[in-house]
């Protein structure tokens, strides 16, 4: 039992960390575009903002189970398979990108406009304002949002596990539910709770340091 749980825990952590990494990198792109093109942004553009806003809202509304099935052809094209933890990174990342994008955009929009105007008066470029003002001022909120994303991905990874991705969700269903071994379901639930607590504690630590 211990070997199965250790391997499943490592697979779950791999899925969470990997998908968080890719979703944060890719989520910055629509977040920056929406920040720039918003009505009070540096380059207002209603059409561009409306398109990205619609896409983010649309993908956020997809139930993860449906998204997991819909992107299977893409997953197979990228990874070569639709099972195992690496394959789960594709739907997990796609599912998290809209959430990350909205979190980062919201963090950027909370930055004091006085700082932005001051930077513009000194001749700062849009890139410099994004990096030196938006990003630095919003960093604590972004970190907090990333923590929330990771915690959400724990639940998503458990769902992915039931469809062949492995991890703690797979163990809970295969050994606990289908194998009628309640102890597996109890232990996997406890491990997931511990992972959540660790992630939240680390997030709180960095949030306080950055604030």
N, C-alpha and C. Protein backbone atom coordinates (compact mmCIF):
# COMPACT_ATOMS: atom_id res chain seq x y z
N UNK A 1 0.84 -1.21 0.00
CA UNK A 1 0.00 0.00 0.00
C UNK A 1 0.87 1.26 0.00
N UNK A 2 1.94 1.26 0.79
CA UNK A 2 2.78 2.44 0.91
C UNK A 2 3.46 2.79 -0.42
N UNK A 3 3.93 1.75 -1.15
CA UNK A 3 4.59 2.01 -2.43
C UNK A 3 3.61 2.59 -3.44
N UNK A 4 2.40 2.08 -3.45
CA UNK A 4 1.36 2.58 -4.37
C UNK A 4 1.05 4.03 -4.07
N UNK A 5 0.89 4.36 -2.80
CA UNK A 5 0.54 5.73 -2.39
C UNK A 5 1.69 6.71 -2.65
N UNK A 6 2.92 6.27 -2.42
CA UNK A 6 4.07 7.15 -2.67
C UNK A 6 4.16 7.49 -4.16
N UNK A 7 4.04 6.46 -5.00
CA UNK A 7 4.11 6.69 -6.45
C UNK A 7 2.96 7.58 -6.91
N UNK A 8 1.76 7.33 -6.37
CA UNK A 8 0.59 8.13 -6.75
C UNK A 8 0.74 9.58 -6.28
N UNK A 9 1.32 9.77 -5.11
CA UNK A 9 1.53 11.12 -4.59
C UNK A 9 2.53 11.88 -5.45
N UNK A 10 3.61 11.21 -5.84
CA UNK A 10 4.61 11.84 -6.71
C UNK A 10 4.01 12.19 -8.07
N UNK A 11 3.16 11.30 -8.59
CA UNK A 11 2.49 11.57 -9.87
C UNK A 11 1.57 12.79 -9.76
N UNK A 12 0.86 12.88 -8.65
CA UNK A 12 -0.05 14.01 -8.43
C UNK A 12 0.73 15.32 -8.33
N UNK A 13 1.82 15.31 -7.57
CA UNK A 13 2.66 16.51 -7.44
C UNK A 13 3.24 16.91 -8.79
N UNK A 14 3.65 15.91 -9.57
CA UNK A 14 4.19 16.17 -10.91
C UNK A 14 3.15 16.86 -11.79
N UNK A 15 1.92 16.36 -11.75
CA UNK A 15 0.85 16.95 -12.55
C UNK A 15 0.53 18.37 -12.11
N UNK A 16 0.50 18.59 -10.79
CA UNK A 16 0.17 19.92 -10.26
C UNK A 16 1.25 20.94 -10.61
N UNK A 17 2.50 20.60 -10.32
CA UNK A 17 3.61 21.52 -10.56
C UNK A 17 3.78 21.79 -12.05
N UNK A 18 3.74 20.72 -12.86
CA UNK A 18 3.93 20.87 -14.30
C UNK A 18 2.86 21.72 -14.95
N UNK A 19 1.60 21.44 -14.64
CA UNK A 19 0.51 22.20 -15.25
C UNK A 19 0.47 23.63 -14.73
N UNK A 20 0.84 23.85 -13.47
CA UNK A 20 0.90 25.21 -12.94
C UNK A 20 1.97 26.01 -13.67
N UNK A 21 3.13 25.41 -13.87
CA UNK A 21 4.24 26.08 -14.57
C UNK A 21 3.81 26.53 -15.97
N UNK A 22 3.25 25.62 -16.74
CA UNK A 22 2.87 25.94 -18.12
C UNK A 22 1.68 26.90 -18.17
N UNK A 23 0.72 26.73 -17.29
CA UNK A 23 -0.47 27.60 -17.31
C UNK A 23 -0.13 29.03 -16.89
N UNK A 24 0.82 29.18 -15.97
CA UNK A 24 1.22 30.53 -15.57
C UNK A 24 1.95 31.23 -16.71
N UNK A 25 2.86 30.52 -17.37
CA UNK A 25 3.59 31.11 -18.50
C UNK A 25 2.62 31.52 -19.61
N UNK A 26 1.73 30.60 -19.99
CA UNK A 26 0.79 30.86 -21.08
C UNK A 26 -0.32 31.81 -20.65
N UNK A 27 -0.66 31.80 -19.36
CA UNK A 27 -1.72 32.67 -18.87
C UNK A 27 -1.33 34.13 -18.85
N UNK A 28 -0.03 34.41 -18.77
CA UNK A 28 0.45 35.79 -18.77
C UNK A 28 0.12 36.49 -20.10
N UNK A 29 0.12 35.73 -21.18
CA UNK A 29 -0.09 36.33 -22.51
C UNK A 29 -1.46 36.99 -22.63
N UNK A 30 -2.57 36.25 -22.44
CA UNK A 30 -3.88 36.91 -22.51
C UNK A 30 -4.09 37.94 -21.41
N UNK A 31 -3.47 37.72 -20.23
CA UNK A 31 -3.63 38.68 -19.13
C UNK A 31 -3.02 40.03 -19.50
N UNK A 32 -1.83 40.01 -20.09
CA UNK A 32 -1.17 41.26 -20.49
C UNK A 32 -1.95 41.94 -21.62
N UNK A 33 -2.42 41.13 -22.59
CA UNK A 33 -3.19 41.70 -23.70
C UNK A 33 -4.47 42.36 -23.20
N UNK A 34 -5.17 41.70 -22.28
CA UNK A 34 -6.41 42.28 -21.75
C UNK A 34 -6.14 43.52 -20.91
N UNK A 35 -5.03 43.51 -20.18
CA UNK A 35 -4.66 44.68 -19.38
C UNK A 35 -4.35 45.88 -20.27
N UNK A 36 -3.63 45.62 -21.35
CA UNK A 36 -3.26 46.70 -22.27
C UNK A 36 -4.46 47.26 -23.02
N UNK A 37 -5.38 46.37 -23.43
CA UNK A 37 -6.48 46.78 -24.30
C UNK A 37 -7.77 47.12 -23.56
N UNK A 38 -7.76 47.04 -22.23
CA UNK A 38 -8.95 47.40 -21.45
C UNK A 38 -9.25 48.89 -21.63
N UNK A 39 -10.45 49.30 -21.29
CA UNK A 39 -10.86 50.69 -21.49
C UNK A 39 -9.95 51.68 -20.76
N UNK A 40 -9.36 51.25 -19.64
CA UNK A 40 -8.45 52.12 -18.90
C UNK A 40 -7.00 51.66 -19.03
N UNK A 41 -6.73 50.84 -20.07
CA UNK A 41 -5.39 50.32 -20.27
C UNK A 41 -4.49 51.27 -21.03
N UNK A 42 -3.28 50.80 -21.31
CA UNK A 42 -2.29 51.62 -22.00
C UNK A 42 -2.61 51.74 -23.50
N UNK A 43 -3.25 50.71 -24.06
CA UNK A 43 -3.63 50.72 -25.48
C UNK A 43 -5.06 50.24 -25.62
N UNK A 44 -6.05 51.05 -25.24
CA UNK A 44 -7.45 50.61 -25.26
C UNK A 44 -7.89 50.11 -26.64
N UNK A 45 -8.56 48.97 -26.65
CA UNK A 45 -9.07 48.40 -27.90
C UNK A 45 -10.25 47.48 -27.54
N UNK A 46 -11.45 47.96 -27.75
CA UNK A 46 -12.64 47.22 -27.34
C UNK A 46 -12.76 45.87 -28.05
N UNK A 47 -12.40 45.83 -29.31
CA UNK A 47 -12.55 44.59 -30.08
C UNK A 47 -11.60 43.51 -29.56
N UNK A 48 -10.34 43.84 -29.42
CA UNK A 48 -9.35 42.87 -28.95
C UNK A 48 -9.68 42.41 -27.54
N UNK A 49 -10.01 43.38 -26.66
CA UNK A 49 -10.35 43.02 -25.28
C UNK A 49 -11.58 42.13 -25.26
N UNK A 50 -12.57 42.47 -26.07
CA UNK A 50 -13.81 41.68 -26.10
C UNK A 50 -13.57 40.25 -26.53
N UNK A 51 -12.69 40.06 -27.53
CA UNK A 51 -12.39 38.71 -28.01
C UNK A 51 -11.72 37.88 -26.92
N UNK A 52 -10.68 38.44 -26.30
CA UNK A 52 -9.96 37.69 -25.27
C UNK A 52 -10.83 37.47 -24.03
N UNK A 53 -11.64 38.47 -23.68
CA UNK A 53 -12.53 38.33 -22.54
C UNK A 53 -13.53 37.21 -22.78
N UNK A 54 -14.05 37.13 -24.00
CA UNK A 54 -15.01 36.07 -24.36
C UNK A 54 -14.35 34.70 -24.29
N UNK A 55 -13.13 34.59 -24.84
CA UNK A 55 -12.42 33.31 -24.85
C UNK A 55 -12.12 32.83 -23.43
N UNK A 56 -11.65 33.74 -22.59
CA UNK A 56 -11.33 33.38 -21.20
C UNK A 56 -12.59 32.92 -20.46
N UNK A 57 -13.67 33.66 -20.61
CA UNK A 57 -14.92 33.28 -19.94
C UNK A 57 -15.47 31.95 -20.46
N UNK A 58 -15.33 31.73 -21.79
CA UNK A 58 -15.84 30.50 -22.39
C UNK A 58 -15.11 29.28 -21.86
N UNK A 59 -13.77 29.34 -21.88
CA UNK A 59 -12.99 28.19 -21.43
C UNK A 59 -13.09 27.98 -19.93
N UNK A 60 -13.31 29.06 -19.18
CA UNK A 60 -13.49 28.91 -17.74
C UNK A 60 -14.79 28.20 -17.40
N UNK A 61 -15.77 28.30 -18.29
CA UNK A 61 -17.09 27.72 -18.01
C UNK A 61 -17.17 26.23 -18.33
N UNK A 62 -16.14 25.69 -19.01
CA UNK A 62 -16.15 24.28 -19.37
C UNK A 62 -15.93 23.41 -18.15
N UNK A 63 -16.82 22.44 -17.86
CA UNK A 63 -16.52 21.45 -16.81
C UNK A 63 -15.26 20.68 -17.20
N UNK A 64 -14.40 20.43 -16.24
CA UNK A 64 -13.10 19.84 -16.56
C UNK A 64 -13.23 18.45 -17.18
N UNK A 65 -14.21 17.67 -16.76
CA UNK A 65 -14.38 16.32 -17.31
C UNK A 65 -14.64 16.40 -18.81
N UNK A 66 -15.49 17.35 -19.23
CA UNK A 66 -15.79 17.51 -20.65
C UNK A 66 -14.54 17.99 -21.39
N UNK A 67 -13.84 18.95 -20.81
CA UNK A 67 -12.62 19.47 -21.43
C UNK A 67 -11.59 18.36 -21.59
N UNK A 68 -11.49 17.51 -20.59
CA UNK A 68 -10.53 16.40 -20.61
C UNK A 68 -10.78 15.49 -21.81
N UNK A 69 -12.04 15.24 -22.09
CA UNK A 69 -12.40 14.38 -23.23
C UNK A 69 -12.21 15.12 -24.56
N UNK A 70 -12.59 16.39 -24.59
CA UNK A 70 -12.51 17.17 -25.83
C UNK A 70 -11.08 17.32 -26.35
N UNK A 71 -10.13 17.47 -25.43
CA UNK A 71 -8.74 17.72 -25.86
C UNK A 71 -7.94 16.43 -26.03
N UNK A 72 -8.58 15.28 -25.92
CA UNK A 72 -7.85 14.02 -26.08
C UNK A 72 -7.10 13.92 -27.40
N UNK A 73 -7.70 14.33 -28.55
CA UNK A 73 -6.93 14.29 -29.80
C UNK A 73 -5.68 15.17 -29.75
N UNK A 74 -5.81 16.35 -29.14
CA UNK A 74 -4.66 17.24 -29.01
C UNK A 74 -3.61 16.63 -28.08
N UNK A 75 -4.08 16.03 -27.00
CA UNK A 75 -3.17 15.37 -26.05
C UNK A 75 -2.39 14.26 -26.73
N UNK A 76 -3.10 13.46 -27.53
CA UNK A 76 -2.43 12.37 -28.24
C UNK A 76 -1.43 12.90 -29.26
N UNK A 77 -1.77 14.01 -29.90
CA UNK A 77 -0.87 14.59 -30.91
C UNK A 77 0.40 15.14 -30.27
N UNK A 78 0.27 15.71 -29.06
CA UNK A 78 1.42 16.31 -28.39
C UNK A 78 2.27 15.28 -27.65
N UNK A 79 1.61 14.43 -26.88
CA UNK A 79 2.32 13.50 -26.00
C UNK A 79 2.45 12.10 -26.60
N UNK A 80 1.49 11.73 -27.46
CA UNK A 80 1.52 10.40 -28.04
C UNK A 80 0.61 9.41 -27.35
N UNK A 81 -0.01 9.85 -26.27
CA UNK A 81 -0.93 9.00 -25.50
C UNK A 81 -1.89 9.88 -24.74
N UNK A 82 -2.99 9.28 -24.25
CA UNK A 82 -3.96 10.03 -23.46
C UNK A 82 -3.99 9.54 -22.01
N UNK A 83 -3.06 8.66 -21.66
CA UNK A 83 -2.99 8.18 -20.29
C UNK A 83 -1.62 8.52 -19.70
N UNK A 84 -1.48 8.28 -18.40
CA UNK A 84 -0.27 8.58 -17.65
C UNK A 84 -0.20 10.08 -17.29
N UNK A 85 0.58 10.42 -16.26
CA UNK A 85 0.63 11.80 -15.75
C UNK A 85 1.05 12.84 -16.78
N UNK A 86 2.01 12.51 -17.64
CA UNK A 86 2.47 13.50 -18.62
C UNK A 86 1.34 13.90 -19.56
N UNK A 87 0.52 12.95 -19.96
CA UNK A 87 -0.61 13.24 -20.84
C UNK A 87 -1.61 14.17 -20.16
N UNK A 88 -1.74 14.05 -18.84
CA UNK A 88 -2.68 14.89 -18.09
C UNK A 88 -2.26 16.35 -18.07
N UNK A 89 -0.98 16.61 -18.31
CA UNK A 89 -0.50 18.00 -18.28
C UNK A 89 -1.21 18.86 -19.33
N UNK A 90 -1.57 18.27 -20.46
CA UNK A 90 -2.21 19.04 -21.54
C UNK A 90 -3.59 19.55 -21.13
N UNK A 91 -4.54 18.69 -20.74
CA UNK A 91 -5.85 19.22 -20.32
C UNK A 91 -5.78 20.04 -19.04
N UNK A 92 -4.89 19.67 -18.12
CA UNK A 92 -4.77 20.44 -16.88
C UNK A 92 -4.29 21.86 -17.17
N UNK A 93 -3.32 21.97 -18.07
CA UNK A 93 -2.79 23.29 -18.44
C UNK A 93 -3.85 24.12 -19.16
N UNK A 94 -4.53 23.51 -20.12
CA UNK A 94 -5.58 24.21 -20.87
C UNK A 94 -6.70 24.66 -19.95
N UNK A 95 -7.05 23.80 -18.99
CA UNK A 95 -8.11 24.14 -18.05
C UNK A 95 -7.73 25.26 -17.10
N UNK A 96 -6.42 25.37 -16.80
CA UNK A 96 -5.97 26.37 -15.83
C UNK A 96 -5.63 27.71 -16.45
N UNK A 97 -5.29 27.74 -17.74
CA UNK A 97 -4.88 28.99 -18.40
C UNK A 97 -5.91 30.11 -18.24
N UNK A 98 -7.20 29.88 -18.51
CA UNK A 98 -8.18 30.97 -18.36
C UNK A 98 -8.27 31.50 -16.93
N UNK A 99 -8.18 30.59 -15.97
CA UNK A 99 -8.23 30.99 -14.56
C UNK A 99 -7.02 31.85 -14.20
N UNK A 100 -5.84 31.40 -14.64
CA UNK A 100 -4.62 32.15 -14.37
C UNK A 100 -4.67 33.52 -15.05
N UNK A 101 -5.13 33.54 -16.29
CA UNK A 101 -5.21 34.80 -17.04
C UNK A 101 -6.10 35.80 -16.32
N UNK A 102 -7.24 35.34 -15.82
CA UNK A 102 -8.17 36.24 -15.13
C UNK A 102 -7.59 36.71 -13.80
N UNK A 103 -6.91 35.82 -13.10
CA UNK A 103 -6.28 36.18 -11.82
C UNK A 103 -5.21 37.25 -12.02
N UNK A 104 -4.36 37.05 -13.02
CA UNK A 104 -3.28 38.00 -13.28
C UNK A 104 -3.84 39.34 -13.76
N UNK A 105 -4.85 39.28 -14.64
CA UNK A 105 -5.47 40.52 -15.11
C UNK A 105 -6.06 41.30 -13.94
N UNK A 106 -6.76 40.61 -13.05
CA UNK A 106 -7.36 41.28 -11.89
C UNK A 106 -6.30 41.90 -11.00
N UNK A 107 -5.18 41.18 -10.83
CA UNK A 107 -4.07 41.71 -10.02
C UNK A 107 -3.49 42.96 -10.66
N UNK A 108 -3.33 42.94 -11.98
CA UNK A 108 -2.81 44.11 -12.70
C UNK A 108 -3.76 45.30 -12.58
N UNK A 109 -5.06 45.02 -12.68
CA UNK A 109 -6.05 46.11 -12.68
C UNK A 109 -6.14 46.78 -11.31
N UNK A 110 -5.65 46.12 -10.27
CA UNK A 110 -5.68 46.68 -8.92
C UNK A 110 -4.52 47.64 -8.65
N UNK A 111 -3.55 47.67 -9.57
CA UNK A 111 -2.39 48.55 -9.39
C UNK A 111 -2.83 50.01 -9.46
N UNK A 112 -2.30 50.82 -8.57
CA UNK A 112 -2.64 52.24 -8.50
C UNK A 112 -2.33 52.94 -9.83
N UNK A 113 -3.33 53.56 -10.43
CA UNK A 113 -3.13 54.23 -11.71
C UNK A 113 -2.20 55.44 -11.58
N UNK A 114 -2.07 55.96 -10.37
CA UNK A 114 -1.14 57.06 -10.16
C UNK A 114 0.29 56.65 -10.47
N UNK A 115 0.65 55.42 -10.11
CA UNK A 115 1.99 54.91 -10.40
C UNK A 115 2.20 54.75 -11.90
N UNK A 116 1.14 54.31 -12.58
CA UNK A 116 1.23 54.11 -14.03
C UNK A 116 1.41 55.45 -14.74
N UNK A 117 0.62 56.43 -14.32
CA UNK A 117 0.73 57.76 -14.94
C UNK A 117 2.09 58.39 -14.66
N UNK A 118 2.61 58.15 -13.45
CA UNK A 118 3.94 58.68 -13.12
C UNK A 118 5.00 58.06 -14.01
N UNK A 119 4.88 56.74 -14.25
CA UNK A 119 5.84 56.07 -15.12
C UNK A 119 5.75 56.60 -16.55
N UNK A 120 4.54 56.85 -17.02
CA UNK A 120 4.36 57.37 -18.38
C UNK A 120 4.94 58.78 -18.50
N UNK A 121 4.79 59.57 -17.44
CA UNK A 121 5.31 60.94 -17.48
C UNK A 121 6.83 60.97 -17.56
N UNK A 122 7.46 59.87 -17.08
CA UNK A 122 8.93 59.79 -17.16
C UNK A 122 9.39 59.16 -18.48
N UNK A 123 8.42 58.88 -19.35
CA UNK A 123 8.77 58.35 -20.67
C UNK A 123 8.95 56.85 -20.73
N UNK A 124 8.43 56.12 -19.76
CA UNK A 124 8.56 54.66 -19.76
C UNK A 124 7.73 54.06 -20.89
N UNK A 125 8.26 53.03 -21.53
CA UNK A 125 7.53 52.33 -22.59
C UNK A 125 6.47 51.43 -21.98
N UNK A 126 5.58 50.93 -22.81
CA UNK A 126 4.54 50.03 -22.33
C UNK A 126 5.14 48.78 -21.69
N UNK A 127 6.22 48.26 -22.31
CA UNK A 127 6.88 47.08 -21.75
C UNK A 127 7.47 47.38 -20.38
N UNK A 128 8.09 48.52 -20.25
CA UNK A 128 8.67 48.90 -18.96
C UNK A 128 7.59 49.08 -17.89
N UNK A 129 6.47 49.66 -18.28
CA UNK A 129 5.36 49.84 -17.33
C UNK A 129 4.80 48.49 -16.90
N UNK A 130 4.64 47.58 -17.88
CA UNK A 130 4.13 46.24 -17.55
C UNK A 130 5.06 45.55 -16.56
N UNK A 131 6.37 45.60 -16.83
CA UNK A 131 7.33 44.87 -15.99
C UNK A 131 7.64 45.58 -14.68
N UNK A 132 7.93 46.89 -14.76
CA UNK A 132 8.42 47.60 -13.58
C UNK A 132 7.30 48.14 -12.68
N UNK A 133 6.10 48.30 -13.22
CA UNK A 133 5.00 48.83 -12.41
C UNK A 133 3.94 47.75 -12.16
N UNK A 134 3.30 47.31 -13.24
CA UNK A 134 2.23 46.32 -13.10
C UNK A 134 2.72 45.06 -12.39
N UNK A 135 3.76 44.45 -12.94
CA UNK A 135 4.21 43.15 -12.43
C UNK A 135 4.72 43.25 -10.99
N UNK A 136 5.58 44.23 -10.73
CA UNK A 136 6.17 44.33 -9.40
C UNK A 136 5.13 44.68 -8.34
N UNK A 137 4.19 45.57 -8.67
CA UNK A 137 3.17 45.96 -7.70
C UNK A 137 2.14 44.84 -7.47
N UNK A 138 1.87 44.07 -8.53
CA UNK A 138 0.83 43.04 -8.44
C UNK A 138 1.37 41.68 -8.01
N UNK A 139 2.69 41.54 -7.84
CA UNK A 139 3.30 40.25 -7.57
C UNK A 139 2.70 39.51 -6.37
N UNK A 140 2.47 40.16 -5.22
CA UNK A 140 1.85 39.42 -4.10
C UNK A 140 0.49 38.83 -4.47
N UNK A 141 -0.34 39.60 -5.17
CA UNK A 141 -1.66 39.11 -5.58
C UNK A 141 -1.53 37.98 -6.60
N UNK A 142 -0.53 38.09 -7.48
CA UNK A 142 -0.30 37.03 -8.46
C UNK A 142 0.09 35.73 -7.77
N UNK A 143 0.97 35.83 -6.79
CA UNK A 143 1.39 34.65 -6.03
C UNK A 143 0.19 34.00 -5.34
N UNK A 144 -0.65 34.83 -4.75
CA UNK A 144 -1.86 34.32 -4.11
C UNK A 144 -2.76 33.61 -5.11
N UNK A 145 -2.87 34.18 -6.32
CA UNK A 145 -3.68 33.56 -7.36
C UNK A 145 -3.10 32.25 -7.85
N UNK A 146 -1.78 32.18 -7.93
CA UNK A 146 -1.13 30.94 -8.35
C UNK A 146 -1.38 29.83 -7.33
N UNK A 147 -1.36 30.19 -6.06
CA UNK A 147 -1.66 29.21 -5.00
C UNK A 147 -3.07 28.66 -5.17
N UNK A 148 -4.02 29.55 -5.42
CA UNK A 148 -5.41 29.11 -5.64
C UNK A 148 -5.50 28.21 -6.87
N UNK A 149 -4.72 28.54 -7.90
CA UNK A 149 -4.70 27.71 -9.10
C UNK A 149 -4.19 26.32 -8.80
N UNK A 150 -3.11 26.23 -8.03
CA UNK A 150 -2.53 24.93 -7.68
C UNK A 150 -3.51 24.09 -6.88
N UNK A 151 -4.22 24.72 -5.96
CA UNK A 151 -5.20 23.99 -5.16
C UNK A 151 -6.35 23.49 -6.03
N UNK A 152 -6.77 24.31 -7.00
CA UNK A 152 -7.82 23.87 -7.93
C UNK A 152 -7.33 22.71 -8.78
N UNK A 153 -6.06 22.77 -9.18
CA UNK A 153 -5.49 21.71 -10.01
C UNK A 153 -5.38 20.38 -9.27
N UNK A 154 -5.32 20.43 -7.96
CA UNK A 154 -5.32 19.18 -7.18
C UNK A 154 -6.61 18.43 -7.43
N UNK A 155 -7.73 19.14 -7.40
CA UNK A 155 -9.01 18.52 -7.68
C UNK A 155 -9.11 18.05 -9.11
N UNK A 156 -8.60 18.86 -10.05
CA UNK A 156 -8.62 18.48 -11.46
C UNK A 156 -7.77 17.24 -11.70
N UNK A 157 -6.61 17.17 -11.03
CA UNK A 157 -5.72 16.01 -11.22
C UNK A 157 -6.38 14.73 -10.72
N UNK A 158 -7.17 14.86 -9.66
CA UNK A 158 -7.89 13.68 -9.15
C UNK A 158 -8.92 13.20 -10.17
N UNK A 159 -9.58 14.17 -10.84
CA UNK A 159 -10.54 13.81 -11.89
C UNK A 159 -9.81 13.15 -13.06
N UNK A 160 -8.68 13.74 -13.46
CA UNK A 160 -7.89 13.18 -14.55
C UNK A 160 -7.42 11.76 -14.22
N UNK A 161 -7.14 11.53 -12.94
CA UNK A 161 -6.70 10.21 -12.51
C UNK A 161 -7.72 9.13 -12.74
N UNK A 162 -8.99 9.49 -12.66
CA UNK A 162 -10.06 8.50 -12.87
C UNK A 162 -10.17 8.09 -14.34
N UNK A 163 -9.55 8.88 -15.24
CA UNK A 163 -9.60 8.56 -16.67
C UNK A 163 -8.24 8.15 -17.22
N UNK A 164 -7.39 7.63 -16.34
CA UNK A 164 -6.14 7.03 -16.79
C UNK A 164 -4.89 7.83 -16.57
N UNK A 165 -4.98 8.99 -15.91
CA UNK A 165 -3.79 9.81 -15.71
C UNK A 165 -2.92 9.33 -14.55
N UNK A 166 -3.47 8.49 -13.70
CA UNK A 166 -2.72 8.05 -12.52
C UNK A 166 -2.87 9.03 -11.38
N UNK A 167 -2.02 8.91 -10.38
CA UNK A 167 -2.10 9.81 -9.23
C UNK A 167 -3.05 9.32 -8.17
N UNK A 168 -3.29 10.17 -7.20
CA UNK A 168 -4.11 9.80 -6.04
C UNK A 168 -5.56 9.56 -6.42
N UNK A 169 -6.07 10.28 -7.40
CA UNK A 169 -7.44 10.06 -7.84
C UNK A 169 -7.63 8.66 -8.39
N UNK A 170 -6.66 8.19 -9.14
CA UNK A 170 -6.69 6.84 -9.70
C UNK A 170 -6.68 5.80 -8.59
N UNK A 171 -5.82 6.00 -7.59
CA UNK A 171 -5.74 5.06 -6.47
C UNK A 171 -7.06 5.02 -5.70
N UNK A 172 -7.64 6.18 -5.45
CA UNK A 172 -8.89 6.24 -4.69
C UNK A 172 -10.01 5.49 -5.41
N UNK A 173 -10.09 5.65 -6.73
CA UNK A 173 -11.15 4.98 -7.49
C UNK A 173 -10.86 3.50 -7.69
N UNK A 174 -9.65 3.20 -8.16
CA UNK A 174 -9.31 1.83 -8.54
C UNK A 174 -9.21 0.89 -7.35
N UNK A 175 -8.49 1.34 -6.32
CA UNK A 175 -8.30 0.47 -5.15
C UNK A 175 -9.37 0.70 -4.09
N UNK A 176 -9.74 1.98 -3.89
CA UNK A 176 -10.70 2.29 -2.84
C UNK A 176 -12.13 1.98 -3.20
N UNK A 177 -12.61 2.59 -4.31
CA UNK A 177 -14.02 2.43 -4.68
C UNK A 177 -14.28 1.10 -5.37
N UNK A 178 -13.54 0.85 -6.46
CA UNK A 178 -13.78 -0.38 -7.21
C UNK A 178 -13.27 -1.62 -6.48
N UNK A 179 -12.21 -1.46 -5.69
CA UNK A 179 -11.65 -2.59 -4.96
C UNK A 179 -12.26 -2.76 -3.57
N UNK A 180 -13.21 -1.89 -3.22
CA UNK A 180 -13.90 -1.97 -1.92
C UNK A 180 -12.92 -1.93 -0.73
N UNK A 181 -11.87 -1.10 -0.87
CA UNK A 181 -10.90 -0.94 0.22
C UNK A 181 -10.99 0.50 0.70
N UNK A 182 -11.82 0.71 1.70
CA UNK A 182 -12.09 2.06 2.20
C UNK A 182 -10.83 2.76 2.69
N UNK A 183 -9.88 1.99 3.19
CA UNK A 183 -8.67 2.61 3.74
C UNK A 183 -7.91 3.40 2.67
N UNK A 184 -7.97 2.94 1.42
CA UNK A 184 -7.29 3.66 0.34
C UNK A 184 -7.94 5.03 0.12
N UNK A 185 -9.24 5.08 0.15
CA UNK A 185 -9.95 6.34 -0.04
C UNK A 185 -9.67 7.30 1.10
N UNK A 186 -9.61 6.77 2.30
CA UNK A 186 -9.33 7.60 3.48
C UNK A 186 -7.93 8.17 3.41
N UNK A 187 -6.96 7.30 3.13
CA UNK A 187 -5.55 7.74 3.11
C UNK A 187 -5.31 8.74 1.97
N UNK A 188 -5.85 8.47 0.78
CA UNK A 188 -5.65 9.40 -0.34
C UNK A 188 -6.27 10.76 -0.03
N UNK A 189 -7.41 10.76 0.63
CA UNK A 189 -8.06 12.03 1.01
C UNK A 189 -7.17 12.80 1.98
N UNK A 190 -6.59 12.08 2.95
CA UNK A 190 -5.70 12.72 3.94
C UNK A 190 -4.47 13.30 3.25
N UNK A 191 -3.89 12.54 2.32
CA UNK A 191 -2.69 13.01 1.60
C UNK A 191 -3.02 14.26 0.80
N UNK A 192 -4.17 14.28 0.14
CA UNK A 192 -4.58 15.45 -0.64
C UNK A 192 -4.76 16.68 0.25
N UNK A 193 -5.33 16.47 1.42
CA UNK A 193 -5.51 17.56 2.38
C UNK A 193 -4.15 18.10 2.83
N UNK A 194 -3.21 17.19 3.08
CA UNK A 194 -1.86 17.60 3.50
C UNK A 194 -1.18 18.40 2.40
N UNK A 195 -1.33 17.96 1.14
CA UNK A 195 -0.74 18.68 0.02
C UNK A 195 -1.31 20.09 -0.08
N UNK A 196 -2.62 20.20 0.09
CA UNK A 196 -3.27 21.52 0.06
C UNK A 196 -2.72 22.42 1.15
N UNK A 197 -2.59 21.89 2.35
CA UNK A 197 -2.09 22.67 3.48
C UNK A 197 -0.65 23.14 3.25
N UNK A 198 0.17 22.26 2.68
CA UNK A 198 1.56 22.62 2.41
C UNK A 198 1.64 23.73 1.37
N UNK A 199 0.89 23.57 0.29
CA UNK A 199 0.88 24.58 -0.77
C UNK A 199 0.39 25.92 -0.23
N UNK A 200 -0.68 25.90 0.56
CA UNK A 200 -1.22 27.14 1.11
C UNK A 200 -0.24 27.80 2.07
N UNK A 201 0.44 27.00 2.88
CA UNK A 201 1.41 27.54 3.82
C UNK A 201 2.59 28.19 3.09
N UNK A 202 3.09 27.53 2.05
CA UNK A 202 4.18 28.09 1.26
C UNK A 202 3.73 29.38 0.58
N UNK A 203 2.51 29.36 0.05
CA UNK A 203 1.95 30.55 -0.60
C UNK A 203 1.82 31.71 0.37
N UNK A 204 1.33 31.44 1.57
CA UNK A 204 1.19 32.49 2.58
C UNK A 204 2.55 33.07 2.97
N UNK A 205 3.55 32.21 3.05
CA UNK A 205 4.90 32.66 3.40
C UNK A 205 5.43 33.65 2.36
N UNK A 206 5.33 33.27 1.09
CA UNK A 206 5.83 34.14 0.01
C UNK A 206 4.99 35.40 -0.13
N UNK A 207 3.69 35.28 0.12
CA UNK A 207 2.82 36.47 0.04
C UNK A 207 3.24 37.50 1.09
N UNK A 208 3.50 37.04 2.29
CA UNK A 208 3.92 37.96 3.35
C UNK A 208 5.28 38.59 3.02
N UNK A 209 6.19 37.77 2.51
CA UNK A 209 7.53 38.28 2.17
C UNK A 209 7.45 39.33 1.07
N UNK A 210 6.65 39.06 0.05
CA UNK A 210 6.54 39.98 -1.07
C UNK A 210 5.75 41.24 -0.73
N UNK A 211 4.83 41.10 0.22
CA UNK A 211 4.02 42.26 0.61
C UNK A 211 4.85 43.23 1.46
